[in-house]
Amino acid sequence: MMKRTQIYFDEDMATDLMLTARSNKLSVSALIREYVQTGLKTNPIKKKAKKGNPLLQLAKAAAREKVPGKRTNVSGNMDKYLPKEWR
C-alpha cells in the first residue's frame, strides 16, 4: 500500500529531478522513492520500542495523579517503566 504525501521543491531542484527522471525513463515520483529508499538503506532509522520512550512513559504515569501536589511514586515499579538495560 502506498501513502500519498506532498513535498515542495525549489525551482532548481524540481528541474533537476525532472531531467534526471526523464534521462532514467522514470517518473519523478519513482525517482524520489528510489532516492529516499537509498537514503534509508545507508542511514537506517532506529525504531523505538512500541511503548515509546520509557522516560516519557514514567513522566506521564507520575502526572496522571488527580490530587494536586501529590504525585504517584513510580520508584517502586521501576521495572515496569524502564528497559532492562537501564535498571
PDB file of N, CA and C in Angstrom:
ATOM      1  N   MET A   1       0.844  -1.182   0.000  1.00  0.00           N
ATOM      2  CA  MET A   1       0.000   0.000   0.000  1.00  0.00           C
ATOM      3  C   MET A   1       0.891   1.247   0.000  1.00  0.00           C
ATOM      4  N   MET A   2       0.567   2.180  -0.819  1.00  0.00           N
ATOM      5  CA  MET A   2       1.317   3.431  -0.911  1.00  0.00           C
ATOM      6  C   MET A   2       0.588   4.512  -0.116  1.00  0.00           C
ATOM      7  N   LYS A   3       1.360   5.398   0.500  1.00  0.00           N
ATOM      8  CA  LYS A   3       0.827   6.573   1.200  1.00  0.00           C
ATOM      9  C   LYS A   3       1.161   7.787   0.371  1.00  0.00           C
ATOM     10  N   ARG A   4       0.192   8.656   0.229  1.00  0.00           N
ATOM     11  CA  ARG A   4       0.398   9.866  -0.559  1.00  0.00           C
ATOM     12  C   ARG A   4       0.880  10.981   0.355  1.00  0.00           C
ATOM     13  N   THR A   5       1.862  11.755  -0.132  1.00  0.00           N
ATOM     14  CA  THR A   5       2.365  12.896   0.619  1.00  0.00           C
ATOM     15  C   THR A   5       2.639  14.042  -0.348  1.00  0.00           C
ATOM     16  N   GLN A   6       2.793  15.202   0.194  1.00  0.00           N
ATOM     17  CA  GLN A   6       3.061  16.370  -0.639  1.00  0.00           C
ATOM     18  C   GLN A   6       4.372  16.980  -0.192  1.00  0.00           C
ATOM     19  N   ILE A   7       5.203  17.356  -1.136  1.00  0.00           N
ATOM     20  CA  ILE A   7       6.504  17.933  -0.820  1.00  0.00           C
ATOM     21  C   ILE A   7       6.769  19.081  -1.797  1.00  0.00           C
ATOM     22  N   TYR A   8       7.417  20.110  -1.304  1.00  0.00           N
ATOM     23  CA  TYR A   8       7.726  21.262  -2.132  1.00  0.00           C
ATOM     24  C   TYR A   8       9.224  21.302  -2.426  1.00  0.00           C
ATOM     25  N   PHE A   9       9.586  21.574  -3.660  1.00  0.00           N
ATOM     26  CA  PHE A   9      10.978  21.717  -4.077  1.00  0.00           C
ATOM     27  C   PHE A   9      11.163  23.101  -4.663  1.00  0.00           C
ATOM     28  N   ASP A  10      12.359  23.650  -4.490  1.00  0.00           N
ATOM     29  CA  ASP A  10      12.615  24.917  -5.167  1.00  0.00           C
ATOM     30  C   ASP A  10      12.718  24.626  -6.672  1.00  0.00           C
ATOM     31  N   GLU A  11      12.704  25.673  -7.463  1.00  0.00           N
ATOM     32  CA  GLU A  11      12.634  25.514  -8.922  1.00  0.00           C
ATOM     33  C   GLU A  11      13.817  24.730  -9.485  1.00  0.00           C
ATOM     34  N   ASP A  12      15.026  25.013  -8.990  1.00  0.00           N
ATOM     35  CA  ASP A  12      16.214  24.311  -9.491  1.00  0.00           C
ATOM     36  C   ASP A  12      16.161  22.815  -9.184  1.00  0.00           C
ATOM     37  N   MET A  13      15.773  22.480  -7.964  1.00  0.00           N
ATOM     38  CA  MET A  13      15.710  21.082  -7.590  1.00  0.00           C
ATOM     39  C   MET A  13      14.626  20.348  -8.384  1.00  0.00           C
ATOM     40  N   ALA A  14      13.488  20.988  -8.570  1.00  0.00           N
ATOM     41  CA  ALA A  14      12.405  20.381  -9.348  1.00  0.00           C
ATOM     42  C   ALA A  14      12.847  20.124 -10.781  1.00  0.00           C
ATOM     43  N   THR A  15      13.571  21.072 -11.351  1.00  0.00           N
ATOM     44  CA  THR A  15      14.081  20.895 -12.717  1.00  0.00           C
ATOM     45  C   THR A  15      15.085  19.754 -12.780  1.00  0.00           C
ATOM     46  N   ASP A  16      16.006  19.718 -11.809  1.00  0.00           N
ATOM     47  CA  ASP A  16      16.992  18.632 -11.763  1.00  0.00           C
ATOM     48  C   ASP A  16      16.314  17.266 -11.621  1.00  0.00           C
ATOM     49  N   LEU A  17      15.312  17.190 -10.774  1.00  0.00           N
ATOM     50  CA  LEU A  17      14.585  15.927 -10.603  1.00  0.00           C
ATOM     51  C   LEU A  17      13.895  15.511 -11.896  1.00  0.00           C
ATOM     52  N   MET A  18      13.255  16.475 -12.542  1.00  0.00           N
ATOM     53  CA  MET A  18      12.543  16.178 -13.783  1.00  0.00           C
ATOM     54  C   MET A  18      13.507  15.682 -14.866  1.00  0.00           C
ATOM     55  N   LEU A  19      14.639  16.370 -15.018  1.00  0.00           N
ATOM     56  CA  LEU A  19      15.605  15.977 -16.042  1.00  0.00           C
ATOM     57  C   LEU A  19      16.243  14.620 -15.734  1.00  0.00           C
ATOM     58  N   THR A  20      16.564  14.377 -14.474  1.00  0.00           N
ATOM     59  CA  THR A  20      17.145  13.097 -14.081  1.00  0.00           C
ATOM     60  C   THR A  20      16.146  11.969 -14.286  1.00  0.00           C
ATOM     61  N   ALA A  21      14.902  12.198 -13.907  1.00  0.00           N
ATOM     62  CA  ALA A  21      13.867  11.180 -14.087  1.00  0.00           C
ATOM     63  C   ALA A  21      13.680  10.871 -15.570  1.00  0.00           C
ATOM     64  N   ARG A  22      13.636  11.910 -16.376  1.00  0.00           N
ATOM     65  CA  ARG A  22      13.452  11.721 -17.813  1.00  0.00           C
ATOM     66  C   ARG A  22      14.615  10.939 -18.419  1.00  0.00           C
ATOM     67  N   SER A  23      15.841  11.255 -18.012  1.00  0.00           N
ATOM     68  CA  SER A  23      17.004  10.556 -18.575  1.00  0.00           C
ATOM     69  C   SER A  23      17.072   9.090 -18.124  1.00  0.00           C
ATOM     70  N   ASN A  24      16.472   8.779 -16.991  1.00  0.00           N
ATOM     71  CA  ASN A  24      16.421   7.399 -16.497  1.00  0.00           C
ATOM     72  C   ASN A  24      15.117   6.682 -16.853  1.00  0.00           C
ATOM     73  N   LYS A  25      14.283   7.363 -17.630  1.00  0.00           N
ATOM     74  CA  LYS A  25      12.983   6.833 -18.065  1.00  0.00           C
ATOM     75  C   LYS A  25      12.123   6.408 -16.861  1.00  0.00           C
ATOM     76  N   LEU A  26      12.068   7.315 -15.878  1.00  0.00           N
ATOM     77  CA  LEU A  26      11.258   7.118 -14.680  1.00  0.00           C
ATOM     78  C   LEU A  26      10.353   8.321 -14.487  1.00  0.00           C
ATOM     79  N   SER A  27       9.331   8.138 -13.683  1.00  0.00           N
ATOM     80  CA  SER A  27       8.545   9.300 -13.282  1.00  0.00           C
ATOM     81  C   SER A  27       9.317  10.004 -12.162  1.00  0.00           C
ATOM     82  N   VAL A  28       9.004  11.261 -11.928  1.00  0.00           N
ATOM     83  CA  VAL A  28       9.662  11.998 -10.851  1.00  0.00           C
ATOM     84  C   VAL A  28       9.353  11.311  -9.511  1.00  0.00           C
ATOM     85  N   SER A  29       8.139  10.845  -9.338  1.00  0.00           N
ATOM     86  CA  SER A  29       7.763  10.159  -8.099  1.00  0.00           C
ATOM     87  C   SER A  29       8.589   8.896  -7.886  1.00  0.00           C
ATOM     88  N   ALA A  30       8.766   8.110  -8.933  1.00  0.00           N
ATOM     89  CA  ALA A  30       9.562   6.890  -8.821  1.00  0.00           C
ATOM     90  C   ALA A  30      11.015   7.224  -8.487  1.00  0.00           C
ATOM     91  N   LEU A  31      11.538   8.267  -9.082  1.00  0.00           N
ATOM     92  CA  LEU A  31      12.911   8.685  -8.803  1.00  0.00           C
ATOM     93  C   LEU A  31      13.057   9.108  -7.341  1.00  0.00           C
ATOM     94  N   ILE A  32      12.115   9.878  -6.844  1.00  0.00           N
ATOM     95  CA  ILE A  32      12.157  10.330  -5.453  1.00  0.00           C
ATOM     96  C   ILE A  32      12.061   9.131  -4.511  1.00  0.00           C
ATOM     97  N   ARG A  33      11.161   8.181  -4.812  1.00  0.00           N
ATOM     98  CA  ARG A  33      11.063   6.973  -3.986  1.00  0.00           C
ATOM     99  C   ARG A  33      12.386   6.216  -3.960  1.00  0.00           C
ATOM    100  N   GLU A  34      13.038   6.139  -5.121  1.00  0.00           N
ATOM    101  CA  GLU A  34      14.338   5.468  -5.228  1.00  0.00           C
ATOM    102  C   GLU A  34      15.382   6.178  -4.360  1.00  0.00           C
ATOM    103  N   TYR A  35      15.425   7.505  -4.438  1.00  0.00           N
ATOM    104  CA  TYR A  35      16.374   8.281  -3.639  1.00  0.00           C
ATOM    105  C   TYR A  35      16.115   8.105  -2.138  1.00  0.00           C
ATOM    106  N   VAL A  36      14.867   8.157  -1.751  1.00  0.00           N
ATOM    107  CA  VAL A  36      14.527   8.011  -0.335  1.00  0.00           C
ATOM    108  C   VAL A  36      14.897   6.616   0.149  1.00  0.00           C
ATOM    109  N   GLN A  37      14.573   5.600  -0.637  1.00  0.00           N
ATOM    110  CA  GLN A  37      14.910   4.225  -0.264  1.00  0.00           C
ATOM    111  C   GLN A  37      16.419   4.051  -0.103  1.00  0.00           C
ATOM    112  N   THR A  38      17.195   4.613  -1.022  1.00  0.00           N
ATOM    113  CA  THR A  38      18.650   4.545  -0.939  1.00  0.00           C
ATOM    114  C   THR A  38      19.145   5.248   0.328  1.00  0.00           C
ATOM    115  N   GLY A  39      18.584   6.397   0.610  1.00  0.00           N
ATOM    116  CA  GLY A  39      18.970   7.132   1.816  1.00  0.00           C
ATOM    117  C   GLY A  39      18.642   6.373   3.085  1.00  0.00           C
ATOM    118  N   LEU A  40      17.498   5.716   3.120  1.00  0.00           N
ATOM    119  CA  LEU A  40      17.118   4.945   4.297  1.00  0.00           C
ATOM    120  C   LEU A  40      18.002   3.718   4.484  1.00  0.00           C
ATOM    121  N   LYS A  41      18.447   3.139   3.380  1.00  0.00           N
ATOM    122  CA  LYS A  41      19.339   1.974   3.483  1.00  0.00           C
ATOM    123  C   LYS A  41      20.713   2.365   3.996  1.00  0.00           C
ATOM    124  N   THR A  42      21.200   3.525   3.591  1.00  0.00           N
ATOM    125  CA  THR A  42      22.535   3.946   4.015  1.00  0.00           C
ATOM    126  C   THR A  42      22.526   4.557   5.412  1.00  0.00           C
ATOM    127  N   ASN A  43      21.396   5.054   5.859  1.00  0.00           N
ATOM    128  CA  ASN A  43      21.279   5.653   7.185  1.00  0.00           C
ATOM    129  C   ASN A  43      19.981   5.164   7.820  1.00  0.00           C
ATOM    130  N   PRO A  44      19.941   3.912   8.289  1.00  0.00           N
ATOM    131  CA  PRO A  44      18.680   3.351   8.784  1.00  0.00           C
ATOM    132  C   PRO A  44      18.165   4.055  10.033  1.00  0.00           C
ATOM    133  N   ILE A  45      16.867   4.107  10.145  1.00  0.00           N
ATOM    134  CA  ILE A  45      16.213   4.718  11.294  1.00  0.00           C
ATOM    135  C   ILE A  45      16.116   3.655  12.376  1.00  0.00           C
ATOM    136  N   LYS A  46      16.560   3.998  13.577  1.00  0.00           N
ATOM    137  CA  LYS A  46      16.458   3.061  14.686  1.00  0.00           C
ATOM    138  C   LYS A  46      15.049   3.146  15.241  1.00  0.00           C
ATOM    139  N   LYS A  47      14.342   2.021  15.170  1.00  0.00           N
ATOM    140  CA  LYS A  47      12.967   2.006  15.637  1.00  0.00           C
ATOM    141  C   LYS A  47      12.930   1.904  17.152  1.00  0.00           C
ATOM    142  N   LYS A  48      12.035   2.668  17.741  1.00  0.00           N
ATOM    143  CA  LYS A  48      11.878   2.676  19.192  1.00  0.00           C
ATOM    144  C   LYS A  48      10.958   1.542  19.611  1.00  0.00           C
ATOM    145  N   ALA A  49      11.002   1.232  20.875  1.00  0.00           N
ATOM    146  CA  ALA A  49      10.103   0.215  21.414  1.00  0.00           C
ATOM    147  C   ALA A  49       8.662   0.663  21.211  1.00  0.00           C
ATOM    148  N   LYS A  50       7.772  -0.278  21.109  1.00  0.00           N
ATOM    149  CA  LYS A  50       6.375   0.052  20.839  1.00  0.00           C
ATOM    150  C   LYS A  50       5.759   0.923  21.926  1.00  0.00           C
ATOM    151  N   LYS A  51       6.244   0.792  23.147  1.00  0.00           N
ATOM    152  CA  LYS A  51       5.705   1.597  24.232  1.00  0.00           C
ATOM    153  C   LYS A  51       6.203   3.033  24.182  1.00  0.00           C
ATOM    154  N   GLY A  52       7.190   3.311  23.372  1.00  0.00           N
ATOM    155  CA  GLY A  52       7.728   4.660  23.268  1.00  0.00           C
ATOM    156  C   GLY A  52       8.874   4.870  24.239  1.00  0.00           C
ATOM    157  N   ASN A  53       9.233   6.092  24.419  1.00  0.00           N
ATOM    158  CA  ASN A  53      10.340   6.452  25.292  1.00  0.00           C
ATOM    159  C   ASN A  53       9.970   6.131  26.739  1.00  0.00           C
ATOM    160  N   PRO A  54      10.738   5.278  27.421  1.00  0.00           N
ATOM    161  CA  PRO A  54      10.387   4.892  28.783  1.00  0.00           C
ATOM    162  C   PRO A  54      10.377   6.055  29.757  1.00  0.00           C
ATOM    163  N   LEU A  55      11.246   7.041  29.556  1.00  0.00           N
ATOM    164  CA  LEU A  55      11.240   8.190  30.461  1.00  0.00           C
ATOM    165  C   LEU A  55       9.986   9.032  30.298  1.00  0.00           C
ATOM    166  N   LEU A  56       9.505   9.151  29.053  1.00  0.00           N
ATOM    167  CA  LEU A  56       8.243   9.873  28.850  1.00  0.00           C
ATOM    168  C   LEU A  56       7.083   9.108  29.467  1.00  0.00           C
ATOM    169  N   GLN A  57       7.108   7.784  29.352  1.00  0.00           N
ATOM    170  CA  GLN A  57       6.066   6.968  29.972  1.00  0.00           C
ATOM    171  C   GLN A  57       6.078   7.151  31.486  1.00  0.00           C
ATOM    172  N   LEU A  58       7.252   7.220  32.068  1.00  0.00           N
ATOM    173  CA  LEU A  58       7.403   7.431  33.504  1.00  0.00           C
ATOM    174  C   LEU A  58       6.831   8.788  33.911  1.00  0.00           C
ATOM    175  N   ALA A  59       7.156   9.817  33.155  1.00  0.00           N
ATOM    176  CA  ALA A  59       6.644  11.161  33.450  1.00  0.00           C
ATOM    177  C   ALA A  59       5.124  11.210  33.313  1.00  0.00           C
ATOM    178  N   LYS A  60       4.595  10.539  32.309  1.00  0.00           N
ATOM    179  CA  LYS A  60       3.137  10.511  32.123  1.00  0.00           C
ATOM    180  C   LYS A  60       2.458   9.804  33.284  1.00  0.00           C
ATOM    181  N   ALA A  61       3.056   8.713  33.746  1.00  0.00           N
ATOM    182  CA  ALA A  61       2.469   7.971  34.862  1.00  0.00           C
ATOM    183  C   ALA A  61       2.431   8.834  36.116  1.00  0.00           C
ATOM    184  N   ALA A  62       3.486   9.583  36.371  1.00  0.00           N
ATOM    185  CA  ALA A  62       3.539  10.439  37.553  1.00  0.00           C
ATOM    186  C   ALA A  62       2.577  11.614  37.434  1.00  0.00           C
ATOM    187  N   ALA A  63       2.345  12.087  36.222  1.00  0.00           N
ATOM    188  CA  ALA A  63       1.479  13.254  36.024  1.00  0.00           C
ATOM    189  C   ALA A  63      -0.003  12.897  36.033  1.00  0.00           C
ATOM    190  N   ARG A  64      -0.346  11.619  36.027  1.00  0.00           N
ATOM    191  CA  ARG A  64      -1.758  11.215  35.984  1.00  0.00           C
ATOM    192  C   ARG A  64      -2.483  11.428  37.307  1.00  0.00           C
ATOM    193  N   GLU A  65      -1.763  11.625  38.388  1.00  0.00           N
ATOM    194  CA  GLU A  65      -2.371  11.761  39.702  1.00  0.00           C
ATOM    195  C   GLU A  65      -3.314  12.963  39.712  1.00  0.00           C
ATOM    196  N   LYS A  66      -4.531  12.736  40.177  1.00  0.00           N
ATOM    197  CA  LYS A  66      -5.565  13.782  40.152  1.00  0.00           C
ATOM    198  C   LYS A  66      -5.448  14.751  41.331  1.00  0.00           C
ATOM    199  N   VAL A  67      -4.890  14.297  42.465  1.00  0.00           N
ATOM    200  CA  VAL A  67      -4.816  15.134  43.654  1.00  0.00           C
ATOM    201  C   VAL A  67      -3.681  16.141  43.482  1.00  0.00           C
ATOM    202  N   PRO A  68      -3.976  17.449  43.551  1.00  0.00           N
ATOM    203  CA  PRO A  68      -2.930  18.461  43.374  1.00  0.00           C
ATOM    204  C   PRO A  68      -1.826  18.318  44.427  1.00  0.00           C
ATOM    205  N   GLY A  69      -0.603  18.454  44.004  1.00  0.00           N
ATOM    206  CA  GLY A  69       0.526  18.391  44.924  1.00  0.00           C
ATOM    207  C   GLY A  69       0.965  16.976  45.267  1.00  0.00           C
ATOM    208  N   LYS A  70       0.172  15.986  44.911  1.00  0.00           N
ATOM    209  CA  LYS A  70       0.536  14.607  45.211  1.00  0.00           C
ATOM    210  C   LYS A  70       0.886  13.913  43.905  1.00  0.00           C
ATOM    211  N   ARG A  71       2.012  13.292  43.853  1.00  0.00           N
ATOM    212  CA  ARG A  71       2.442  12.591  42.651  1.00  0.00           C
ATOM    213  C   ARG A  71       2.580  11.118  42.944  1.00  0.00           C
ATOM    214  N   THR A  72       2.337  10.323  41.936  1.00  0.00           N
ATOM    215  CA  THR A  72       2.489   8.887  42.047  1.00  0.00           C
ATOM    216  C   THR A  72       3.953   8.544  42.261  1.00  0.00           C
ATOM    217  N   ASN A  73       4.219   7.667  43.227  1.00  0.00           N
ATOM    218  CA  ASN A  73       5.586   7.203  43.454  1.00  0.00           C
ATOM    219  C   ASN A  73       5.829   6.035  42.515  1.00  0.00           C
ATOM    220  N   VAL A  74       6.598   6.279  41.481  1.00  0.00           N
ATOM    221  CA  VAL A  74       6.856   5.231  40.488  1.00  0.00           C
ATOM    222  C   VAL A  74       8.158   4.487  40.763  1.00  0.00           C
ATOM    223  N   SER A  75       8.881   4.885  41.819  1.00  0.00           N
ATOM    224  CA  SER A  75      10.166   4.237  42.091  1.00  0.00           C
ATOM    225  C   SER A  75       9.987   2.764  42.466  1.00  0.00           C
ATOM    226  N   GLY A  76       8.867   2.414  43.068  1.00  0.00           N
ATOM    227  CA  GLY A  76       8.630   1.018  43.431  1.00  0.00           C
ATOM    228  C   GLY A  76       8.338   0.136  42.235  1.00  0.00           C
ATOM    229  N   ASN A  77       7.918   0.721  41.143  1.00  0.00           N
ATOM    230  CA  ASN A  77       7.592  -0.036  39.936  1.00  0.00           C
ATOM    231  C   ASN A  77       8.584   0.253  38.824  1.00  0.00           C
ATOM    232  N   MET A  78       9.832   0.501  39.192  1.00  0.00           N
ATOM    233  CA  MET A  78      10.841   0.871  38.202  1.00  0.00           C
ATOM    234  C   MET A  78      10.929  -0.156  37.076  1.00  0.00           C
ATOM    235  N   ASP A  79      10.847  -1.426  37.420  1.00  0.00           N
ATOM    236  CA  ASP A  79      10.970  -2.461  36.388  1.00  0.00           C
ATOM    237  C   ASP A  79       9.824  -2.432  35.389  1.00  0.00           C
ATOM    238  N   LYS A  80       8.723  -1.830  35.774  1.00  0.00           N
ATOM    239  CA  LYS A  80       7.572  -1.726  34.866  1.00  0.00           C
ATOM    240  C   LYS A  80       7.814  -0.660  33.798  1.00  0.00           C
ATOM    241  N   TYR A  81       8.574   0.375  34.104  1.00  0.00           N
ATOM    242  CA  TYR A  81       8.734   1.516  33.205  1.00  0.00           C
ATOM    243  C   TYR A  81      10.050   1.560  32.445  1.00  0.00           C
ATOM    244  N   LEU A  82      11.121   1.052  33.055  1.00  0.00           N
ATOM    245  CA  LEU A  82      12.429   1.190  32.438  1.00  0.00           C
ATOM    246  C   LEU A  82      12.853  -0.105  31.754  1.00  0.00           C
ATOM    247  N   PRO A  83      13.524   0.013  30.624  1.00  0.00           N
ATOM    248  CA  PRO A  83      14.023  -1.196  29.951  1.00  0.00           C
ATOM    249  C   PRO A  83      15.099  -1.871  30.804  1.00  0.00           C
ATOM    250  N   LYS A  84      15.325  -3.151  30.581  1.00  0.00           N
ATOM    251  CA  LYS A  84      16.266  -3.931  31.391  1.00  0.00           C
ATOM    252  C   LYS A  84      17.657  -3.321  31.440  1.00  0.00           C
ATOM    253  N   GLU A  85      18.144  -2.794  30.306  1.00  0.00           N
ATOM    254  CA  GLU A  85      19.500  -2.249  30.289  1.00  0.00           C
ATOM    255  C   GLU A  85      19.646  -0.965  31.121  1.00  0.00           C
ATOM    256  N   TRP A  86      18.544  -0.349  31.533  1.00  0.00           N
ATOM    257  CA  TRP A  86      18.606   0.870  32.337  1.00  0.00           C
ATOM    258  C   TRP A  86      18.458   0.587  33.830  1.00  0.00           C
ATOM    259  N   ARG A  87      18.088  -0.639  34.201  1.00  0.00           N
ATOM    260  CA  ARG A  87      17.842  -0.945  35.631  1.00  0.00           C
ATOM    261  C   ARG A  87      19.119  -1.154  36.371  1.00  0.00           C
TER     262      ARG A  87
END
